[in-house]
């Protein structure tokens, strides 16, 4: 089953770059990258040393509800191309040895029992296995250590 790794929506990234309020109603903070551990959730690549980036509260869900987690993310402060690698594992998912994968239903609720920490080499296989389940509509990839949202995986 072909997979698609999807970044945050470009229109939303553009709003944040215009310094419009984040999920908490705050103005995104501007910082300069040291080149270590600053993954952009739009191009899904690491933000290079010396480049400006934003830190903001992001809620990758369409509406508020009990399972709509919000957390900090990084985003290039200047425009970048949205990740378009389709089923290729994005560059940001090669910076750690493993990630948390968790399935969500059509109504954006966690599908209990679907979450597990997965080695990078096994992300595609585990995602395909989860998406083969009828109750799982999409997957979030999150940091295994800090639970930070990385990207979404869905069927292509």
N, C-alpha and C. Protein backbone atom coordinates (compact mmCIF):
# COMPACT_ATOMS: atom_id res chain seq x y z
N UNK A 1 0.85 -1.18 0.00
CA UNK A 1 0.00 0.00 0.00
C UNK A 1 0.90 1.25 0.00
N UNK A 2 0.79 2.11 -1.02
CA UNK A 2 1.61 3.32 -1.06
C UNK A 2 1.23 4.30 0.05
N UNK A 3 2.24 4.92 0.62
CA UNK A 3 2.05 5.89 1.70
C UNK A 3 2.34 7.29 1.20
N UNK A 4 1.83 8.28 1.93
CA UNK A 4 2.15 9.68 1.65
C UNK A 4 2.44 10.37 2.98
N UNK A 5 3.64 10.94 3.09
CA UNK A 5 4.03 11.74 4.25
C UNK A 5 3.62 13.17 3.95
N UNK A 6 2.81 13.77 4.82
CA UNK A 6 2.31 15.11 4.54
C UNK A 6 2.77 16.11 5.59
N UNK A 7 3.19 17.30 5.13
CA UNK A 7 3.61 18.36 6.03
C UNK A 7 2.40 19.18 6.49
N UNK A 8 2.67 20.18 7.31
CA UNK A 8 1.59 21.10 7.67
C UNK A 8 1.14 21.82 6.40
N UNK A 9 -0.12 22.23 6.33
CA UNK A 9 -0.62 22.90 5.13
C UNK A 9 0.13 24.21 4.83
N UNK A 10 0.40 24.44 3.55
CA UNK A 10 1.14 25.63 3.13
C UNK A 10 0.43 26.92 3.53
N UNK A 11 -0.89 26.96 3.42
CA UNK A 11 -1.63 28.17 3.77
C UNK A 11 -1.45 28.50 5.26
N UNK A 12 -1.42 27.48 6.09
CA UNK A 12 -1.22 27.70 7.52
C UNK A 12 0.21 28.15 7.81
N UNK A 13 1.19 27.54 7.14
CA UNK A 13 2.58 27.96 7.31
C UNK A 13 2.73 29.43 6.92
N UNK A 14 2.07 29.84 5.84
CA UNK A 14 2.15 31.23 5.39
C UNK A 14 1.55 32.17 6.45
N UNK A 15 0.46 31.77 7.07
CA UNK A 15 -0.14 32.60 8.13
C UNK A 15 0.84 32.80 9.28
N UNK A 16 1.49 31.72 9.69
CA UNK A 16 2.44 31.83 10.80
C UNK A 16 3.63 32.70 10.42
N UNK A 17 4.06 32.61 9.16
CA UNK A 17 5.18 33.45 8.71
C UNK A 17 4.81 34.93 8.69
N UNK A 18 3.52 35.21 8.53
CA UNK A 18 3.05 36.59 8.61
C UNK A 18 2.88 37.02 10.06
N UNK A 19 3.25 36.11 10.97
CA UNK A 19 3.19 36.34 12.42
C UNK A 19 1.76 36.41 12.94
N UNK A 20 0.86 35.70 12.26
CA UNK A 20 -0.51 35.59 12.76
C UNK A 20 -0.51 34.63 13.94
N UNK A 21 -1.49 34.71 14.82
CA UNK A 21 -1.51 33.91 16.05
C UNK A 21 -1.47 32.40 15.81
N UNK A 22 -0.79 31.72 16.74
CA UNK A 22 -0.70 30.26 16.69
C UNK A 22 -1.92 29.64 17.37
N UNK A 23 -1.87 28.35 17.64
CA UNK A 23 -3.00 27.64 18.24
C UNK A 23 -3.37 28.15 19.63
N UNK A 24 -2.47 28.85 20.28
CA UNK A 24 -2.76 29.43 21.60
C UNK A 24 -3.07 30.92 21.52
N UNK A 25 -3.13 31.46 20.29
CA UNK A 25 -3.41 32.87 20.13
C UNK A 25 -2.20 33.76 20.33
N UNK A 26 -1.01 33.16 20.32
CA UNK A 26 0.23 33.90 20.53
C UNK A 26 0.94 34.14 19.20
N UNK A 27 1.75 35.20 19.17
CA UNK A 27 2.57 35.48 17.99
C UNK A 27 3.74 34.51 17.98
N UNK A 28 4.00 33.85 16.85
CA UNK A 28 5.15 32.94 16.78
C UNK A 28 6.45 33.67 17.13
N UNK A 29 7.31 32.99 17.87
CA UNK A 29 8.61 33.55 18.26
C UNK A 29 9.61 33.34 17.12
N UNK A 30 10.49 34.32 16.92
CA UNK A 30 11.54 34.20 15.91
C UNK A 30 12.87 33.93 16.60
N UNK A 31 13.62 32.95 16.06
CA UNK A 31 14.93 32.59 16.58
C UNK A 31 15.87 32.32 15.41
N UNK A 32 17.15 32.12 15.71
CA UNK A 32 18.14 31.76 14.70
C UNK A 32 18.65 30.36 15.02
N UNK A 33 18.64 29.49 14.03
CA UNK A 33 19.00 28.09 14.23
C UNK A 33 20.50 27.92 14.46
N UNK A 34 20.82 26.98 15.36
CA UNK A 34 22.21 26.57 15.54
C UNK A 34 22.51 25.34 14.67
N UNK A 35 21.48 24.91 13.91
CA UNK A 35 21.65 23.79 12.99
C UNK A 35 21.42 22.43 13.59
N UNK A 36 21.08 22.38 14.87
CA UNK A 36 20.90 21.09 15.54
C UNK A 36 19.46 20.94 16.02
N UNK A 37 18.77 19.95 15.51
CA UNK A 37 17.46 19.59 16.02
C UNK A 37 16.35 20.60 15.82
N UNK A 38 16.33 21.28 14.69
CA UNK A 38 15.28 22.24 14.39
C UNK A 38 14.54 21.79 13.13
N UNK A 39 13.66 20.80 13.23
CA UNK A 39 12.98 20.29 12.04
C UNK A 39 11.78 21.15 11.64
N UNK A 40 11.79 21.63 10.40
CA UNK A 40 10.68 22.43 9.87
C UNK A 40 9.53 21.50 9.51
N UNK A 41 8.34 21.82 9.98
CA UNK A 41 7.18 20.97 9.73
C UNK A 41 6.51 21.26 8.40
N UNK A 42 7.09 22.14 7.59
CA UNK A 42 6.54 22.41 6.27
C UNK A 42 7.37 21.74 5.17
N UNK A 43 8.68 21.94 5.17
CA UNK A 43 9.52 21.28 4.16
C UNK A 43 10.00 19.91 4.66
N UNK A 44 9.81 19.65 5.94
CA UNK A 44 10.20 18.39 6.60
C UNK A 44 11.70 18.13 6.50
N UNK A 45 12.47 19.22 6.54
CA UNK A 45 13.94 19.13 6.58
C UNK A 45 14.42 19.94 7.78
N UNK A 46 15.65 19.69 8.19
CA UNK A 46 16.22 20.42 9.32
C UNK A 46 16.52 21.87 8.90
N UNK A 47 16.34 22.79 9.81
CA UNK A 47 16.62 24.20 9.56
C UNK A 47 18.11 24.41 9.77
N UNK A 48 18.78 24.92 8.74
CA UNK A 48 20.24 25.06 8.76
C UNK A 48 20.71 26.13 9.73
N UNK A 49 21.92 25.95 10.22
CA UNK A 49 22.54 26.93 11.13
C UNK A 49 22.53 28.31 10.46
N UNK A 50 22.14 29.31 11.23
CA UNK A 50 22.10 30.68 10.75
C UNK A 50 20.78 31.09 10.14
N UNK A 51 19.91 30.12 9.81
CA UNK A 51 18.60 30.45 9.25
C UNK A 51 17.63 30.82 10.37
N UNK A 52 16.75 31.76 10.09
CA UNK A 52 15.72 32.14 11.05
C UNK A 52 14.60 31.10 11.04
N UNK A 53 14.02 30.89 12.21
CA UNK A 53 12.90 29.97 12.31
C UNK A 53 11.91 30.48 13.34
N UNK A 54 10.72 29.93 13.29
CA UNK A 54 9.66 30.27 14.23
C UNK A 54 9.44 29.10 15.18
N UNK A 55 9.10 29.43 16.41
CA UNK A 55 8.59 28.44 17.37
C UNK A 55 7.15 28.86 17.64
N UNK A 56 6.25 27.89 17.55
CA UNK A 56 4.84 28.21 17.76
C UNK A 56 4.08 26.99 18.25
N UNK A 57 2.91 27.24 18.78
CA UNK A 57 2.03 26.15 19.22
C UNK A 57 1.21 25.69 18.01
N UNK A 58 1.25 24.40 17.75
CA UNK A 58 0.58 23.84 16.58
C UNK A 58 -0.40 22.75 17.01
N UNK A 59 -1.59 22.81 16.43
CA UNK A 59 -2.61 21.78 16.68
C UNK A 59 -2.96 21.17 15.33
N UNK A 60 -2.44 19.98 15.02
CA UNK A 60 -2.68 19.36 13.70
C UNK A 60 -4.03 18.67 13.59
N UNK A 61 -5.05 19.32 14.06
CA UNK A 61 -6.42 18.80 14.02
C UNK A 61 -7.34 19.92 13.55
N UNK A 62 -8.45 19.59 12.88
CA UNK A 62 -9.33 20.62 12.34
C UNK A 62 -10.15 21.39 13.37
N UNK A 63 -10.34 20.81 14.53
CA UNK A 63 -11.17 21.48 15.54
C UNK A 63 -10.76 21.03 16.93
N UNK A 64 -11.17 21.82 17.92
CA UNK A 64 -10.90 21.45 19.31
C UNK A 64 -11.77 20.27 19.70
N UNK A 65 -11.18 19.35 20.40
CA UNK A 65 -11.86 18.18 20.98
C UNK A 65 -10.84 17.55 21.93
N UNK A 66 -11.25 16.64 22.78
CA UNK A 66 -10.35 16.12 23.81
C UNK A 66 -9.04 15.51 23.31
N UNK A 67 -9.01 14.99 22.08
CA UNK A 67 -7.81 14.34 21.57
C UNK A 67 -6.95 15.27 20.70
N UNK A 68 -7.35 16.52 20.57
CA UNK A 68 -6.64 17.47 19.71
C UNK A 68 -5.44 18.05 20.45
N UNK A 69 -4.35 17.30 20.44
CA UNK A 69 -3.13 17.73 21.11
C UNK A 69 -2.52 18.95 20.43
N UNK A 70 -1.97 19.83 21.25
CA UNK A 70 -1.27 21.01 20.77
C UNK A 70 0.12 20.98 21.37
N UNK A 71 1.11 21.36 20.56
CA UNK A 71 2.47 21.37 21.09
C UNK A 71 3.37 22.26 20.26
N UNK A 72 4.60 22.42 20.72
CA UNK A 72 5.54 23.29 20.02
C UNK A 72 6.08 22.65 18.75
N UNK A 73 6.26 23.49 17.72
CA UNK A 73 6.92 23.06 16.49
C UNK A 73 7.84 24.16 16.01
N UNK A 74 8.72 23.81 15.07
CA UNK A 74 9.61 24.76 14.40
C UNK A 74 9.15 24.88 12.95
N UNK A 75 9.38 26.07 12.39
CA UNK A 75 8.99 26.36 11.02
C UNK A 75 9.99 27.37 10.47
N UNK A 76 10.50 27.15 9.25
CA UNK A 76 11.35 28.16 8.63
C UNK A 76 10.64 29.50 8.68
N UNK A 77 11.33 30.56 9.08
CA UNK A 77 10.73 31.89 9.11
C UNK A 77 10.53 32.43 7.70
N UNK A 78 11.39 32.02 6.77
CA UNK A 78 11.26 32.40 5.37
C UNK A 78 10.54 31.27 4.63
N UNK A 79 9.91 31.61 3.54
CA UNK A 79 9.17 30.62 2.77
C UNK A 79 10.06 29.45 2.35
N UNK A 80 9.51 28.26 2.45
CA UNK A 80 10.19 27.05 1.97
C UNK A 80 9.16 26.22 1.23
N UNK A 81 9.64 25.35 0.38
CA UNK A 81 8.75 24.48 -0.39
C UNK A 81 8.17 23.41 0.52
N UNK A 82 6.88 23.15 0.38
CA UNK A 82 6.25 22.07 1.14
C UNK A 82 6.87 20.74 0.73
N UNK A 83 7.03 19.85 1.68
CA UNK A 83 7.56 18.52 1.39
C UNK A 83 6.68 17.86 0.33
N UNK A 84 7.30 17.37 -0.71
CA UNK A 84 6.56 16.74 -1.81
C UNK A 84 7.16 15.38 -2.16
N UNK A 85 7.78 14.74 -1.17
CA UNK A 85 8.43 13.47 -1.42
C UNK A 85 7.51 12.28 -1.40
N UNK A 86 6.21 12.52 -1.21
CA UNK A 86 5.25 11.43 -1.24
C UNK A 86 5.54 10.35 -0.22
N UNK A 87 5.88 9.16 -0.71
CA UNK A 87 6.12 8.01 0.15
C UNK A 87 7.53 7.87 0.66
N UNK A 88 8.42 8.78 0.27
CA UNK A 88 9.80 8.74 0.77
C UNK A 88 9.85 9.28 2.19
N UNK A 89 10.60 8.62 3.05
CA UNK A 89 10.73 9.07 4.44
C UNK A 89 11.37 10.45 4.44
N UNK A 90 10.71 11.46 5.03
CA UNK A 90 11.23 12.83 5.03
C UNK A 90 12.56 12.94 5.78
N UNK A 91 13.38 13.92 5.39
CA UNK A 91 14.67 14.11 6.06
C UNK A 91 14.57 14.28 7.58
N UNK A 92 13.50 14.91 8.07
CA UNK A 92 13.42 15.12 9.53
C UNK A 92 13.27 13.81 10.30
N UNK A 93 12.87 12.74 9.62
CA UNK A 93 12.70 11.47 10.31
C UNK A 93 13.96 10.62 10.30
N UNK A 94 15.08 11.24 9.96
CA UNK A 94 16.35 10.52 10.00
C UNK A 94 17.27 11.08 11.07
N UNK A 95 16.73 11.99 11.90
CA UNK A 95 17.56 12.64 12.93
C UNK A 95 17.48 11.94 14.28
N UNK A 96 16.65 10.96 14.39
CA UNK A 96 16.51 10.19 15.64
C UNK A 96 16.50 8.71 15.27
N UNK A 97 16.71 7.86 16.25
CA UNK A 97 16.71 6.43 15.96
C UNK A 97 15.32 5.83 15.88
N UNK A 98 14.33 6.52 16.47
CA UNK A 98 12.98 6.00 16.47
C UNK A 98 11.97 7.12 16.69
N UNK A 99 10.70 6.82 16.37
CA UNK A 99 9.62 7.79 16.50
C UNK A 99 8.37 7.09 16.99
N UNK A 100 7.46 7.86 17.57
CA UNK A 100 6.16 7.36 17.99
C UNK A 100 5.20 7.47 16.82
N UNK A 101 4.56 6.37 16.45
CA UNK A 101 3.50 6.37 15.45
C UNK A 101 2.21 6.07 16.17
N UNK A 102 1.17 6.85 15.83
CA UNK A 102 -0.12 6.67 16.49
C UNK A 102 -1.24 6.89 15.48
N UNK A 103 -2.19 5.97 15.44
CA UNK A 103 -3.30 6.04 14.51
C UNK A 103 -4.46 6.85 15.03
N UNK A 104 -5.16 7.51 14.07
CA UNK A 104 -6.34 8.32 14.38
C UNK A 104 -7.49 7.91 13.46
N UNK A 105 -8.69 8.03 13.98
CA UNK A 105 -9.89 7.68 13.22
C UNK A 105 -10.34 8.86 12.35
N UNK A 106 -11.35 8.64 11.52
CA UNK A 106 -11.91 9.70 10.67
C UNK A 106 -12.37 10.90 11.49
N UNK A 107 -12.83 10.66 12.71
CA UNK A 107 -13.29 11.78 13.54
C UNK A 107 -12.16 12.35 14.42
N UNK A 108 -10.90 12.07 14.01
CA UNK A 108 -9.71 12.66 14.63
C UNK A 108 -9.49 12.25 16.08
N UNK A 109 -9.91 11.05 16.41
CA UNK A 109 -9.70 10.52 17.76
C UNK A 109 -8.59 9.47 17.72
N UNK A 110 -7.82 9.38 18.79
CA UNK A 110 -6.79 8.34 18.89
C UNK A 110 -7.46 6.97 18.83
N UNK A 111 -6.88 6.09 18.04
CA UNK A 111 -7.32 4.70 18.04
C UNK A 111 -6.45 3.98 19.06
N UNK A 112 -7.05 3.66 20.19
CA UNK A 112 -6.29 3.05 21.28
C UNK A 112 -5.65 1.74 20.85
N UNK A 113 -4.43 1.54 21.32
CA UNK A 113 -3.67 0.34 20.98
C UNK A 113 -2.86 0.50 19.71
N UNK A 114 -2.97 1.65 19.03
CA UNK A 114 -2.25 1.82 17.78
C UNK A 114 -0.88 2.48 17.97
N UNK A 115 -0.64 3.08 19.10
CA UNK A 115 0.61 3.80 19.32
C UNK A 115 1.76 2.89 19.69
N UNK A 116 2.91 3.15 19.05
CA UNK A 116 4.12 2.41 19.40
C UNK A 116 5.34 3.18 18.92
N UNK A 117 6.45 2.97 19.63
CA UNK A 117 7.72 3.57 19.23
C UNK A 117 8.34 2.62 18.21
N UNK A 118 8.72 3.20 17.05
CA UNK A 118 9.16 2.40 15.91
C UNK A 118 10.53 2.87 15.43
N UNK A 119 11.47 1.95 15.20
CA UNK A 119 12.75 2.35 14.61
C UNK A 119 12.53 2.99 13.24
N UNK A 120 13.36 3.95 12.88
CA UNK A 120 13.23 4.66 11.61
C UNK A 120 13.10 3.69 10.43
N UNK A 121 13.90 2.67 10.40
CA UNK A 121 13.89 1.71 9.29
C UNK A 121 12.55 0.99 9.14
N UNK A 122 11.75 0.97 10.22
CA UNK A 122 10.48 0.24 10.20
C UNK A 122 9.26 1.13 10.08
N UNK A 123 9.45 2.45 9.95
CA UNK A 123 8.31 3.37 9.92
C UNK A 123 7.34 3.03 8.79
N UNK A 124 7.84 2.84 7.59
CA UNK A 124 6.96 2.55 6.45
C UNK A 124 6.14 1.29 6.65
N UNK A 125 6.79 0.24 7.11
CA UNK A 125 6.09 -1.03 7.31
C UNK A 125 5.03 -0.92 8.40
N UNK A 126 5.38 -0.26 9.50
CA UNK A 126 4.42 -0.11 10.60
C UNK A 126 3.26 0.79 10.18
N UNK A 127 3.55 1.87 9.45
CA UNK A 127 2.50 2.76 8.98
C UNK A 127 1.53 2.00 8.06
N UNK A 128 2.06 1.21 7.13
CA UNK A 128 1.21 0.43 6.22
C UNK A 128 0.34 -0.54 7.00
N UNK A 129 0.92 -1.16 8.00
CA UNK A 129 0.17 -2.10 8.85
C UNK A 129 -0.98 -1.39 9.55
N UNK A 130 -0.70 -0.22 10.12
CA UNK A 130 -1.75 0.54 10.81
C UNK A 130 -2.83 1.00 9.85
N UNK A 131 -2.43 1.53 8.70
CA UNK A 131 -3.40 2.06 7.74
C UNK A 131 -4.22 0.96 7.06
N UNK A 132 -3.81 -0.27 7.23
CA UNK A 132 -4.59 -1.40 6.71
C UNK A 132 -5.80 -1.67 7.60
N UNK A 133 -5.79 -1.11 8.81
CA UNK A 133 -6.92 -1.27 9.73
C UNK A 133 -8.01 -0.28 9.35
N UNK A 134 -9.23 -0.75 9.21
CA UNK A 134 -10.34 0.10 8.74
C UNK A 134 -10.64 1.27 9.68
N UNK A 135 -10.36 1.13 10.95
CA UNK A 135 -10.67 2.21 11.89
C UNK A 135 -9.61 3.32 11.92
N UNK A 136 -8.50 3.13 11.22
CA UNK A 136 -7.43 4.13 11.21
C UNK A 136 -7.44 4.87 9.87
N UNK A 137 -7.64 6.20 9.96
CA UNK A 137 -7.70 7.05 8.77
C UNK A 137 -6.35 7.66 8.43
N UNK A 138 -5.53 7.94 9.46
CA UNK A 138 -4.22 8.53 9.26
C UNK A 138 -3.38 8.30 10.50
N UNK A 139 -2.11 8.63 10.39
CA UNK A 139 -1.14 8.42 11.47
C UNK A 139 -0.40 9.72 11.74
N UNK A 140 -0.12 9.96 13.00
CA UNK A 140 0.81 11.04 13.35
C UNK A 140 2.15 10.40 13.68
N UNK A 141 3.20 11.05 13.20
CA UNK A 141 4.56 10.70 13.60
C UNK A 141 4.95 11.75 14.62
N UNK A 142 5.39 11.29 15.78
CA UNK A 142 5.77 12.19 16.87
C UNK A 142 7.11 11.78 17.44
N UNK A 143 7.76 12.72 18.08
CA UNK A 143 9.02 12.43 18.74
C UNK A 143 8.78 11.37 19.81
N UNK A 144 9.64 10.37 19.85
CA UNK A 144 9.51 9.31 20.86
C UNK A 144 9.91 9.82 22.24
N UNK A 145 10.64 10.91 22.30
CA UNK A 145 11.12 11.42 23.58
C UNK A 145 10.29 12.58 24.12
N UNK A 146 9.83 13.46 23.23
CA UNK A 146 9.12 14.66 23.68
C UNK A 146 7.68 14.74 23.19
N UNK A 147 7.25 13.81 22.38
CA UNK A 147 5.89 13.74 21.84
C UNK A 147 5.58 14.87 20.86
N UNK A 148 6.60 15.59 20.36
CA UNK A 148 6.37 16.68 19.42
C UNK A 148 5.92 16.13 18.07
N UNK A 149 4.91 16.76 17.50
CA UNK A 149 4.39 16.39 16.20
C UNK A 149 5.45 16.60 15.14
N UNK A 150 5.61 15.62 14.23
CA UNK A 150 6.57 15.71 13.14
C UNK A 150 5.85 15.86 11.79
N UNK A 151 4.99 14.90 11.48
CA UNK A 151 4.24 14.93 10.22
C UNK A 151 3.11 13.90 10.30
N UNK A 152 2.39 13.83 9.21
CA UNK A 152 1.25 12.91 9.11
C UNK A 152 1.54 11.90 8.01
N UNK A 153 1.05 10.68 8.19
CA UNK A 153 1.16 9.65 7.15
C UNK A 153 -0.25 9.20 6.83
N UNK A 154 -0.54 9.09 5.53
CA UNK A 154 -1.84 8.59 5.11
C UNK A 154 -1.64 7.72 3.88
N UNK A 155 -2.70 7.07 3.44
CA UNK A 155 -2.63 6.29 2.21
C UNK A 155 -2.51 7.24 1.03
N UNK A 156 -1.68 6.87 0.07
CA UNK A 156 -1.49 7.71 -1.13
C UNK A 156 -2.68 7.60 -2.06
